All heavy atoms as atom14 arrays in JSON, in Angstrom:
{
  "sequence": "AVVESQNLRLRIIQAADAYKAFSLIKDPEVTRYLMWDSPKTINELRLA",
  "atom14_mask": [
    [1, 1, 1, 1, 1, 0, 0, 0, 0, 0, 0, 0, 0, 0],
    [1, 1, 1, 1, 1, 1, 1, 0, 0, 0, 0, 0, 0, 0],
    [1, 1, 1, 1, 1, 1, 1, 0, 0, 0, 0, 0, 0, 0],
    [1, 1, 1, 1, 1, 1, 1, 1, 1, 0, 0, 0, 0, 0],
    [1, 1, 1, 1, 1, 1, 0, 0, 0, 0, 0, 0, 0, 0],
    [1, 1, 1, 1, 1, 1, 1, 1, 1, 0, 0, 0, 0, 0],
    [1, 1, 1, 1, 1, 1, 1, 1, 0, 0, 0, 0, 0, 0],
    [1, 1, 1, 1, 1, 1, 1, 1, 0, 0, 0, 0, 0, 0],
    [1, 1, 1, 1, 1, 1, 1, 1, 1, 1, 1, 0, 0, 0],
    [1, 1, 1, 1, 1, 1, 1, 1, 0, 0, 0, 0, 0, 0],
    [1, 1, 1, 1, 1, 1, 1, 1, 1, 1, 1, 0, 0, 0],
    [1, 1, 1, 1, 1, 1, 1, 1, 0, 0, 0, 0, 0, 0],
    [1, 1, 1, 1, 1, 1, 1, 1, 0, 0, 0, 0, 0, 0],
    [1, 1, 1, 1, 1, 1, 1, 1, 1, 0, 0, 0, 0, 0],
    [1, 1, 1, 1, 1, 0, 0, 0, 0, 0, 0, 0, 0, 0],
    [1, 1, 1, 1, 1, 0, 0, 0, 0, 0, 0, 0, 0, 0],
    [1, 1, 1, 1, 1, 1, 1, 1, 0, 0, 0, 0, 0, 0],
    [1, 1, 1, 1, 1, 0, 0, 0, 0, 0, 0, 0, 0, 0],
    [1, 1, 1, 1, 1, 1, 1, 1, 1, 1, 1, 1, 0, 0],
    [1, 1, 1, 1, 1, 1, 1, 1, 1, 0, 0, 0, 0, 0],
    [1, 1, 1, 1, 1, 0, 0, 0, 0, 0, 0, 0, 0, 0],
    [1, 1, 1, 1, 1, 1, 1, 1, 1, 1, 1, 0, 0, 0],
    [1, 1, 1, 1, 1, 1, 0, 0, 0, 0, 0, 0, 0, 0],
    [1, 1, 1, 1, 1, 1, 1, 1, 0, 0, 0, 0, 0, 0],
    [1, 1, 1, 1, 1, 1, 1, 1, 0, 0, 0, 0, 0, 0],
    [1, 1, 1, 1, 1, 1, 1, 1, 1, 0, 0, 0, 0, 0],
    [1, 1, 1, 1, 1, 1, 1, 1, 0, 0, 0, 0, 0, 0],
    [1, 1, 1, 1, 1, 1, 1, 0, 0, 0, 0, 0, 0, 0],
    [1, 1, 1, 1, 1, 1, 1, 1, 1, 0, 0, 0, 0, 0],
    [1, 1, 1, 1, 1, 1, 1, 0, 0, 0, 0, 0, 0, 0],
    [1, 1, 1, 1, 1, 1, 1, 0, 0, 0, 0, 0, 0, 0],
    [1, 1, 1, 1, 1, 1, 1, 1, 1, 1, 1, 0, 0, 0],
    [1, 1, 1, 1, 1, 1, 1, 1, 1, 1, 1, 1, 0, 0],
    [1, 1, 1, 1, 1, 1, 1, 1, 0, 0, 0, 0, 0, 0],
    [1, 1, 1, 1, 1, 1, 1, 1, 0, 0, 0, 0, 0, 0],
    [1, 1, 1, 1, 1, 1, 1, 1, 1, 1, 1, 1, 1, 1],
    [1, 1, 1, 1, 1, 1, 1, 1, 0, 0, 0, 0, 0, 0],
    [1, 1, 1, 1, 1, 1, 0, 0, 0, 0, 0, 0, 0, 0],
    [1, 1, 1, 1, 1, 1, 1, 0, 0, 0, 0, 0, 0, 0],
    [1, 1, 1, 1, 1, 1, 1, 1, 1, 0, 0, 0, 0, 0],
    [1, 1, 1, 1, 1, 1, 1, 0, 0, 0, 0, 0, 0, 0],
    [1, 1, 1, 1, 1, 1, 1, 1, 0, 0, 0, 0, 0, 0],
    [1, 1, 1, 1, 1, 1, 1, 1, 0, 0, 0, 0, 0, 0],
    [1, 1, 1, 1, 1, 1, 1, 1, 1, 0, 0, 0, 0, 0],
    [1, 1, 1, 1, 1, 1, 1, 1, 0, 0, 0, 0, 0, 0],
    [1, 1, 1, 1, 1, 1, 1, 1, 1, 1, 1, 0, 0, 0],
    [1, 1, 1, 1, 1, 1, 1, 1, 0, 0, 0, 0, 0, 0],
    [1, 1, 1, 1, 1, 0, 0, 0, 0, 0, 0, 0, 0, 0]
  ],
  "atom14_positions": [
    [[-19.9, -3.22, 3.38], [-19.55, -2.29, 2.34], [-18.97, -2.98, 1.13], [-17.77, -3.51, 1.23], [-18.52, -1.13, 2.85], [0.0, 0.0, 0.0], [0.0, 0.0, 0.0], [0.0, 0.0, 0.0], [0.0, 0.0, 0.0], [0.0, 0.0, 0.0], [0.0, 0.0, 0.0], [0.0, 0.0, 0.0], [0.0, 0.0, 0.0], [0.0, 0.0, 0.0]],
    [[-19.67, -3.03, 0.05], [-19.3, -3.61, -1.18], [-19.7, -2.68, -2.33], [-20.83, -2.3, -2.45], [-19.89, -5.07, -1.42], [-19.35, -5.63, -2.72], [-19.55, -5.97, -0.26], [0.0, 0.0, 0.0], [0.0, 0.0, 0.0], [0.0, 0.0, 0.0], [0.0, 0.0, 0.0], [0.0, 0.0, 0.0], [0.0, 0.0, 0.0], [0.0, 0.0, 0.0]],
    [[-18.71, -2.2, -3.1], [-18.94, -1.49, -4.24], [-18.26, -2.19, -5.47], [-17.13, -2.62, -5.36], [-18.4, 0.06, -4.12], [-19.31, 0.75, -3.17], [-17.07, 0.08, -3.62], [0.0, 0.0, 0.0], [0.0, 0.0, 0.0], [0.0, 0.0, 0.0], [0.0, 0.0, 0.0], [0.0, 0.0, 0.0], [0.0, 0.0, 0.0], [0.0, 0.0, 0.0]],
    [[-18.96, -2.22, -6.6], [-18.54, -3.08, -7.63], [-18.72, -2.43, -8.92], [-19.76, -1.78, -9.29], [-19.32, -4.34, -7.61], [-18.9, -5.48, -8.45], [-19.68, -6.81, -8.23], [-19.51, -7.24, -7.04], [-20.34, -7.29, -9.15], [0.0, 0.0, 0.0], [0.0, 0.0, 0.0], [0.0, 0.0, 0.0], [0.0, 0.0, 0.0], [0.0, 0.0, 0.0]],
    [[-17.69, -2.6, -9.8], [-17.83, -2.09, -11.28], [-17.92, -3.41, -12.14], [-18.03, -4.53, -11.53], [-16.63, -1.32, -11.58], [-15.39, -2.16, -11.59], [0.0, 0.0, 0.0], [0.0, 0.0, 0.0], [0.0, 0.0, 0.0], [0.0, 0.0, 0.0], [0.0, 0.0, 0.0], [0.0, 0.0, 0.0], [0.0, 0.0, 0.0], [0.0, 0.0, 0.0]],
    [[-17.79, -3.17, -13.41], [-17.9, -4.33, -14.19], [-16.79, -5.32, -13.98], [-16.83, -6.56, -14.12], [-17.91, -3.95, -15.66], [-18.03, -5.08, -16.7], [-18.25, -4.63, -18.16], [-18.39, -3.4, -18.34], [-18.32, -5.47, -19.04], [0.0, 0.0, 0.0], [0.0, 0.0, 0.0], [0.0, 0.0, 0.0], [0.0, 0.0, 0.0], [0.0, 0.0, 0.0]],
    [[-15.54, -4.75, -13.68], [-14.44, -5.58, -13.56], [-13.86, -5.8, -12.14], [-13.21, -6.86, -11.82], [-13.22, -4.9, -14.36], [-13.52, -4.77, -15.79], [-13.89, -5.76, -16.45], [-13.44, -3.54, -16.27], [0.0, 0.0, 0.0], [0.0, 0.0, 0.0], [0.0, 0.0, 0.0], [0.0, 0.0, 0.0], [0.0, 0.0, 0.0], [0.0, 0.0, 0.0]],
    [[-14.12, -4.84, -11.31], [-13.49, -4.88, -9.86], [-14.57, -4.83, -8.8], [-15.67, -4.29, -8.97], [-12.59, -3.73, -9.7], [-11.27, -3.78, -10.36], [-10.39, -2.61, -9.95], [-10.51, -5.1, -10.09], [0.0, 0.0, 0.0], [0.0, 0.0, 0.0], [0.0, 0.0, 0.0], [0.0, 0.0, 0.0], [0.0, 0.0, 0.0], [0.0, 0.0, 0.0]],
    [[-14.22, -5.3, -7.64], [-15.1, -5.24, -6.36], [-14.12, -4.66, -5.31], [-13.04, -5.11, -5.06], [-15.55, -6.62, -6.07], [-16.34, -6.64, -4.79], [-16.83, -8.01, -4.46], [-17.61, -8.61, -5.55], [-17.27, -9.69, -6.29], [-16.06, -10.31, -6.1], [-18.07, -10.15, -7.25], [0.0, 0.0, 0.0], [0.0, 0.0, 0.0], [0.0, 0.0, 0.0]],
    [[-14.62, -3.77, -4.55], [-14.08, -3.3, -3.27], [-14.97, -3.85, -2.13], [-16.15, -3.7, -2.17], [-14.04, -1.8, -3.09], [-13.17, -0.99, -4.18], [-13.12, 0.52, -3.68], [-11.87, -1.57, -4.33], [0.0, 0.0, 0.0], [0.0, 0.0, 0.0], [0.0, 0.0, 0.0], [0.0, 0.0, 0.0], [0.0, 0.0, 0.0], [0.0, 0.0, 0.0]],
    [[-14.4, -4.58, -1.17], [-15.11, -5.08, 0.01], [-14.29, -4.97, 1.19], [-13.1, -4.7, 1.17], [-15.45, -6.5, -0.25], [-14.28, -7.45, -0.44], [-14.51, -8.88, -0.37], [-13.39, -9.73, -0.71], [-12.34, -9.98, 0.05], [-12.31, -9.41, 1.31], [-11.3, -10.7, -0.38], [0.0, 0.0, 0.0], [0.0, 0.0, 0.0], [0.0, 0.0, 0.0]],
    [[-14.87, -5.02, 2.35], [-14.18, -4.82, 3.64], [-13.11, -5.94, 3.73], [-13.34, -7.04, 3.5], [-15.08, -4.83, 4.89], [-16.13, -3.78, 4.74], [-14.3, -4.83, 6.16], [-17.26, -3.9, 5.85], [0.0, 0.0, 0.0], [0.0, 0.0, 0.0], [0.0, 0.0, 0.0], [0.0, 0.0, 0.0], [0.0, 0.0, 0.0], [0.0, 0.0, 0.0]],
    [[-11.93, -5.51, 4.04], [-10.76, -6.45, 4.13], [-10.99, -7.38, 5.31], [-11.63, -7.04, 6.36], [-9.49, -5.74, 4.31], [-8.31, -6.57, 3.74], [-9.09, -5.3, 5.7], [-7.08, -5.8, 3.32], [0.0, 0.0, 0.0], [0.0, 0.0, 0.0], [0.0, 0.0, 0.0], [0.0, 0.0, 0.0], [0.0, 0.0, 0.0], [0.0, 0.0, 0.0]],
    [[-10.56, -8.65, 5.23], [-10.75, -9.69, 6.27], [-9.41, -10.32, 6.57], [-8.44, -10.3, 5.79], [-11.73, -10.76, 5.74], [-13.07, -10.22, 5.44], [-13.88, -9.68, 6.59], [-13.75, -10.13, 7.74], [-14.66, -8.64, 6.41], [0.0, 0.0, 0.0], [0.0, 0.0, 0.0], [0.0, 0.0, 0.0], [0.0, 0.0, 0.0], [0.0, 0.0, 0.0]],
    [[-9.38, -10.92, 7.79], [-8.11, -11.58, 8.22], [-7.63, -12.59, 7.24], [-6.38, -12.74, 7.0], [-8.29, -12.18, 9.63], [0.0, 0.0, 0.0], [0.0, 0.0, 0.0], [0.0, 0.0, 0.0], [0.0, 0.0, 0.0], [0.0, 0.0, 0.0], [0.0, 0.0, 0.0], [0.0, 0.0, 0.0], [0.0, 0.0, 0.0], [0.0, 0.0, 0.0]],
    [[-8.49, -13.34, 6.63], [-8.19, -14.36, 5.71], [-7.48, -13.78, 4.39], [-6.74, -14.56, 3.75], [-9.41, -15.18, 5.32], [0.0, 0.0, 0.0], [0.0, 0.0, 0.0], [0.0, 0.0, 0.0], [0.0, 0.0, 0.0], [0.0, 0.0, 0.0], [0.0, 0.0, 0.0], [0.0, 0.0, 0.0], [0.0, 0.0, 0.0], [0.0, 0.0, 0.0]],
    [[-7.66, -12.59, 4.12], [-6.94, -11.93, 2.99], [-5.48, -11.96, 3.13], [-4.75, -11.71, 2.19], [-7.52, -10.51, 2.75], [-8.95, -10.54, 2.23], [-9.29, -11.27, 1.35], [-9.69, -9.64, 2.73], [0.0, 0.0, 0.0], [0.0, 0.0, 0.0], [0.0, 0.0, 0.0], [0.0, 0.0, 0.0], [0.0, 0.0, 0.0], [0.0, 0.0, 0.0]],
    [[-5.08, -12.11, 4.29], [-3.49, -12.02, 4.57], [-2.79, -13.09, 3.78], [-1.64, -12.89, 3.37], [-3.2, -12.16, 6.08], [0.0, 0.0, 0.0], [0.0, 0.0, 0.0], [0.0, 0.0, 0.0], [0.0, 0.0, 0.0], [0.0, 0.0, 0.0], [0.0, 0.0, 0.0], [0.0, 0.0, 0.0], [0.0, 0.0, 0.0], [0.0, 0.0, 0.0]],
    [[-3.46, -14.28, 3.61], [-2.69, -15.31, 2.88], [-2.41, -15.06, 1.52], [-1.37, -15.46, 0.94], [-3.47, -16.66, 3.09], [-3.73, -16.99, 4.53], [-4.88, -16.7, 5.25], [-2.73, -17.68, 5.19], [-4.98, -17.0, 6.65], [-2.83, -18.01, 6.61], [-3.94, -17.64, 7.22], [-4.1, -17.98, 8.62], [0.0, 0.0, 0.0], [0.0, 0.0, 0.0]],
    [[-3.31, -14.32, 0.82], [-3.02, -13.89, -0.53], [-2.18, -12.63, -0.58], [-1.32, -12.48, -1.47], [-4.39, -13.59, -1.16], [-4.31, -13.28, -2.76], [-3.93, -14.43, -3.65], [-3.81, -14.02, -5.04], [-4.97, -13.63, -5.67], [0.0, 0.0, 0.0], [0.0, 0.0, 0.0], [0.0, 0.0, 0.0], [0.0, 0.0, 0.0], [0.0, 0.0, 0.0]],
    [[-2.46, -11.72, 0.36], [-1.68, -10.43, 0.32], [-0.2, -10.58, 0.65], [0.57, -9.72, 0.11], [-2.38, -9.51, 1.3], [0.0, 0.0, 0.0], [0.0, 0.0, 0.0], [0.0, 0.0, 0.0], [0.0, 0.0, 0.0], [0.0, 0.0, 0.0], [0.0, 0.0, 0.0], [0.0, 0.0, 0.0], [0.0, 0.0, 0.0], [0.0, 0.0, 0.0]],
    [[0.17, -11.55, 1.47], [1.47, -11.62, 1.94], [2.53, -11.63, 0.89], [3.52, -10.94, 0.85], [1.66, -12.73, 2.96], [2.94, -12.79, 3.68], [3.28, -11.95, 4.63], [3.94, -13.68, 3.36], [4.52, -11.85, 5.34], [5.18, -13.75, 3.98], [5.47, -12.86, 4.95], [0.0, 0.0, 0.0], [0.0, 0.0, 0.0], [0.0, 0.0, 0.0]],
    [[2.42, -12.6, -0.07], [3.29, -12.75, -1.12], [3.35, -11.52, -2.02], [4.37, -11.16, -2.5], [3.02, -13.98, -1.91], [1.72, -13.89, -2.6], [0.0, 0.0, 0.0], [0.0, 0.0, 0.0], [0.0, 0.0, 0.0], [0.0, 0.0, 0.0], [0.0, 0.0, 0.0], [0.0, 0.0, 0.0], [0.0, 0.0, 0.0], [0.0, 0.0, 0.0]],
    [[2.24, -10.87, -2.24], [2.11, -9.71, -3.16], [2.87, -8.56, -2.54], [3.6, -7.77, -3.16], [0.64, -9.33, -3.36], [-0.16, -10.35, -4.14], [-1.59, -9.82, -4.24], [0.31, -10.67, -5.43], [0.0, 0.0, 0.0], [0.0, 0.0, 0.0], [0.0, 0.0, 0.0], [0.0, 0.0, 0.0], [0.0, 0.0, 0.0], [0.0, 0.0, 0.0]],
    [[2.7, -8.27, -1.24], [3.18, -7.08, -0.52], [4.67, -7.27, -0.1], [5.26, -6.28, 0.2], [2.29, -6.76, 0.72], [2.38, -5.22, 0.89], [2.66, -7.57, 1.92], [1.29, -4.79, 1.91], [0.0, 0.0, 0.0], [0.0, 0.0, 0.0], [0.0, 0.0, 0.0], [0.0, 0.0, 0.0], [0.0, 0.0, 0.0], [0.0, 0.0, 0.0]],
    [[5.19, -8.47, -0.25], [6.64, -8.68, 0.02], [7.51, -8.26, -1.14], [8.67, -8.25, -1.03], [6.96, -10.1, 0.36], [6.32, -10.53, 1.71], [6.97, -9.88, 2.92], [8.27, -10.46, 3.22], [8.91, -9.85, 4.4], [0.0, 0.0, 0.0], [0.0, 0.0, 0.0], [0.0, 0.0, 0.0], [0.0, 0.0, 0.0], [0.0, 0.0, 0.0]],
    [[6.88, -7.99, -2.25], [7.6, -7.67, -3.5], [8.18, -6.33, -3.37], [7.58, -5.33, -3.17], [6.56, -7.71, -4.74], [7.3, -7.55, -6.0], [8.3, -6.96, -6.12], [6.67, -7.99, -7.07], [0.0, 0.0, 0.0], [0.0, 0.0, 0.0], [0.0, 0.0, 0.0], [0.0, 0.0, 0.0], [0.0, 0.0, 0.0], [0.0, 0.0, 0.0]],
    [[9.59, -6.25, -3.56], [10.23, -4.82, -3.49], [9.67, -3.88, -4.33], [9.78, -2.62, -4.15], [11.66, -5.29, -3.76], [11.89, -6.68, -3.52], [10.52, -7.27, -3.81], [0.0, 0.0, 0.0], [0.0, 0.0, 0.0], [0.0, 0.0, 0.0], [0.0, 0.0, 0.0], [0.0, 0.0, 0.0], [0.0, 0.0, 0.0], [0.0, 0.0, 0.0]],
    [[9.16, -4.29, -5.54], [8.54, -3.32, -6.51], [7.31, -2.57, -5.94], [7.11, -1.48, -6.23], [8.18, -4.08, -7.87], [9.33, -4.41, -8.72], [10.02, -3.14, -9.22], [9.43, -2.22, -9.78], [11.33, -3.1, -9.03], [0.0, 0.0, 0.0], [0.0, 0.0, 0.0], [0.0, 0.0, 0.0], [0.0, 0.0, 0.0], [0.0, 0.0, 0.0]],
    [[6.69, -3.32, -5.04], [5.47, -2.76, -4.42], [5.93, -1.82, -3.16], [5.49, -0.75, -3.03], [4.56, -3.84, -3.9], [3.42, -3.17, -3.09], [4.02, -4.57, -5.09], [0.0, 0.0, 0.0], [0.0, 0.0, 0.0], [0.0, 0.0, 0.0], [0.0, 0.0, 0.0], [0.0, 0.0, 0.0], [0.0, 0.0, 0.0], [0.0, 0.0, 0.0]],
    [[6.81, -2.38, -2.35], [7.13, -1.65, -1.06], [7.97, -0.42, -1.24], [7.92, 0.41, -0.43], [7.89, -2.68, -0.14], [9.08, -3.2, -0.74], [6.91, -3.86, 0.29], [0.0, 0.0, 0.0], [0.0, 0.0, 0.0], [0.0, 0.0, 0.0], [0.0, 0.0, 0.0], [0.0, 0.0, 0.0], [0.0, 0.0, 0.0], [0.0, 0.0, 0.0]],
    [[8.72, -0.35, -2.44], [9.46, 0.86, -2.58], [8.68, 2.02, -2.74], [9.25, 3.2, -2.47], [10.43, 0.71, -3.82], [9.77, 0.77, -5.18], [10.76, 0.37, -6.25], [10.23, 0.38, -7.52], [10.51, 1.27, -8.54], [11.38, 2.19, -8.32], [10.04, 1.17, -9.66], [0.0, 0.0, 0.0], [0.0, 0.0, 0.0], [0.0, 0.0, 0.0]],
    [[7.51, 2.07, -2.99], [6.57, 3.21, -3.04], [5.68, 3.35, -1.78], [4.76, 4.15, -1.81], [5.74, 3.21, -4.33], [6.6, 3.41, -5.49], [6.55, 2.49, -6.63], [7.37, 4.66, -5.68], [7.29, 2.7, -7.75], [8.12, 4.75, -6.78], [8.15, 3.94, -7.81], [8.89, 4.1, -8.96], [0.0, 0.0, 0.0], [0.0, 0.0, 0.0]],
    [[5.95, 2.45, -0.81], [5.19, 2.57, 0.41], [5.87, 3.22, 1.51], [7.12, 3.0, 1.6], [4.59, 1.26, 0.82], [3.8, 0.44, -0.19], [3.45, -0.96, 0.33], [2.58, 1.24, -0.47], [0.0, 0.0, 0.0], [0.0, 0.0, 0.0], [0.0, 0.0, 0.0], [0.0, 0.0, 0.0], [0.0, 0.0, 0.0], [0.0, 0.0, 0.0]],
    [[5.11, 3.94, 2.47], [5.87, 4.51, 3.52], [6.15, 3.65, 4.72], [6.8, 3.96, 5.69], [5.17, 5.78, 4.0], [3.72, 5.6, 4.62], [3.01, 7.12, 5.06], [4.06, 7.56, 6.45], [0.0, 0.0, 0.0], [0.0, 0.0, 0.0], [0.0, 0.0, 0.0], [0.0, 0.0, 0.0], [0.0, 0.0, 0.0], [0.0, 0.0, 0.0]],
    [[5.61, 2.4, 4.65], [5.68, 1.46, 5.7], [6.36, 0.19, 5.13], [6.19, -0.2, 3.99], [4.39, 1.13, 6.37], [3.26, 0.98, 5.41], [2.4, 1.97, 4.99], [2.76, -0.2, 4.84], [1.46, 1.47, 4.09], [1.72, 0.15, 3.95], [3.25, -1.53, 4.84], [0.92, -0.83, 3.16], [2.45, -2.51, 4.0], [1.4, -2.07, 3.36]],
    [[7.09, -0.59, 6.06], [7.73, -1.79, 5.65], [6.74, -2.92, 5.6], [5.68, -2.95, 6.26], [8.89, -2.14, 6.73], [9.9, -1.17, 6.61], [10.28, -0.64, 5.49], [10.5, -0.94, 7.72], [0.0, 0.0, 0.0], [0.0, 0.0, 0.0], [0.0, 0.0, 0.0], [0.0, 0.0, 0.0], [0.0, 0.0, 0.0], [0.0, 0.0, 0.0]],
    [[6.94, -3.93, 4.77], [6.05, -5.01, 4.7], [6.08, -5.9, 5.95], [7.14, -5.85, 6.69], [6.44, -5.87, 3.42], [7.69, -6.38, 3.6], [0.0, 0.0, 0.0], [0.0, 0.0, 0.0], [0.0, 0.0, 0.0], [0.0, 0.0, 0.0], [0.0, 0.0, 0.0], [0.0, 0.0, 0.0], [0.0, 0.0, 0.0], [0.0, 0.0, 0.0]],
    [[4.99, -6.65, 6.27], [5.0, -7.39, 7.51], [6.06, -8.58, 7.38], [6.29, -9.08, 6.24], [3.56, -7.99, 7.45], [3.14, -7.99, 6.0], [3.79, -6.74, 5.45], [0.0, 0.0, 0.0], [0.0, 0.0, 0.0], [0.0, 0.0, 0.0], [0.0, 0.0, 0.0], [0.0, 0.0, 0.0], [0.0, 0.0, 0.0], [0.0, 0.0, 0.0]],
    [[6.48, -8.97, 8.52], [7.45, -9.98, 8.58], [6.86, -11.43, 8.48], [7.6, -12.29, 8.0], [8.27, -9.9, 9.93], [9.09, -8.63, 9.96], [9.91, -8.54, 11.26], [10.9, -7.39, 11.36], [10.14, -6.11, 11.16], [0.0, 0.0, 0.0], [0.0, 0.0, 0.0], [0.0, 0.0, 0.0], [0.0, 0.0, 0.0], [0.0, 0.0, 0.0]],
    [[5.67, -11.59, 8.9], [5.02, -12.91, 8.85], [3.57, -12.78, 8.42], [2.92, -11.69, 8.5], [5.0, -13.56, 10.29], [4.16, -12.89, 11.12], [6.47, -13.69, 10.84], [0.0, 0.0, 0.0], [0.0, 0.0, 0.0], [0.0, 0.0, 0.0], [0.0, 0.0, 0.0], [0.0, 0.0, 0.0], [0.0, 0.0, 0.0], [0.0, 0.0, 0.0]],
    [[3.0, -13.9, 7.9], [1.58, -13.93, 7.48], [0.72, -13.63, 8.76], [-0.26, -12.87, 8.67], [1.23, -15.25, 6.8], [1.92, -15.46, 5.55], [-0.32, -15.39, 6.75], [1.64, -16.78, 4.93], [0.0, 0.0, 0.0], [0.0, 0.0, 0.0], [0.0, 0.0, 0.0], [0.0, 0.0, 0.0], [0.0, 0.0, 0.0], [0.0, 0.0, 0.0]],
    [[1.14, -14.17, 9.93], [0.33, -13.92, 11.09], [0.24, -12.46, 11.54], [-0.8, -11.96, 11.95], [0.79, -14.79, 12.23], [-0.15, -14.87, 13.38], [-1.41, -15.21, 13.21], [0.26, -14.42, 14.56], [0.0, 0.0, 0.0], [0.0, 0.0, 0.0], [0.0, 0.0, 0.0], [0.0, 0.0, 0.0], [0.0, 0.0, 0.0], [0.0, 0.0, 0.0]],
    [[1.37, -11.71, 11.38], [1.39, -10.38, 11.68], [0.38, -9.62, 10.71], [-0.36, -8.73, 11.26], [2.82, -9.8, 11.44], [2.94, -8.25, 11.62], [4.29, -7.7, 11.28], [5.3, -8.55, 11.28], [4.39, -6.57, 10.93], [0.0, 0.0, 0.0], [0.0, 0.0, 0.0], [0.0, 0.0, 0.0], [0.0, 0.0, 0.0], [0.0, 0.0, 0.0]],
    [[0.37, -9.91, 9.52], [-0.54, -9.33, 8.56], [-1.98, -9.78, 8.86], [-2.95, -8.94, 8.78], [-0.22, -9.75, 7.11], [-0.97, -9.01, 6.03], [-0.8, -7.47, 6.11], [-0.49, -9.44, 4.64], [0.0, 0.0, 0.0], [0.0, 0.0, 0.0], [0.0, 0.0, 0.0], [0.0, 0.0, 0.0], [0.0, 0.0, 0.0], [0.0, 0.0, 0.0]],
    [[-2.21, -11.03, 9.22], [-3.58, -11.56, 9.47], [-4.18, -10.79, 10.74], [-5.31, -10.36, 10.75], [-3.53, -13.0, 9.81], [-4.82, -13.69, 10.06], [-4.72, -15.0, 10.53], [-4.05, -15.25, 11.72], [-4.69, -15.04, 12.91], [-5.94, -14.7, 12.99], [-3.93, -15.18, 14.08], [0.0, 0.0, 0.0], [0.0, 0.0, 0.0], [0.0, 0.0, 0.0]],
    [[-3.32, -10.5, 11.77], [-3.8, -9.8, 12.85], [-4.07, -8.32, 12.58], [-4.97, -7.72, 13.04], [-2.78, -9.82, 14.06], [-2.56, -11.26, 14.66], [-1.43, -11.32, 15.65], [-3.85, -11.7, 15.34], [0.0, 0.0, 0.0], [0.0, 0.0, 0.0], [0.0, 0.0, 0.0], [0.0, 0.0, 0.0], [0.0, 0.0, 0.0], [0.0, 0.0, 0.0]],
    [[-3.2, -7.79, 11.63], [-3.49, -6.33, 11.23], [-4.77, -6.29, 10.49], [-5.61, -5.3, 10.74], [-2.36, -5.89, 10.4], [0.0, 0.0, 0.0], [0.0, 0.0, 0.0], [0.0, 0.0, 0.0], [0.0, 0.0, 0.0], [0.0, 0.0, 0.0], [0.0, 0.0, 0.0], [0.0, 0.0, 0.0], [0.0, 0.0, 0.0], [0.0, 0.0, 0.0]]
  ]
}
């Protein structure tokens, strides 16, 4: 499943995405609007 506009792409998430996502999702500015807490480790996010 890949859908793409001129600027953006949506694709199925993969375990390897955890390495980029971890630092982004640990930001309090992001998590304050989420109903779940950020993962404690990269491996936790990778498995998810």
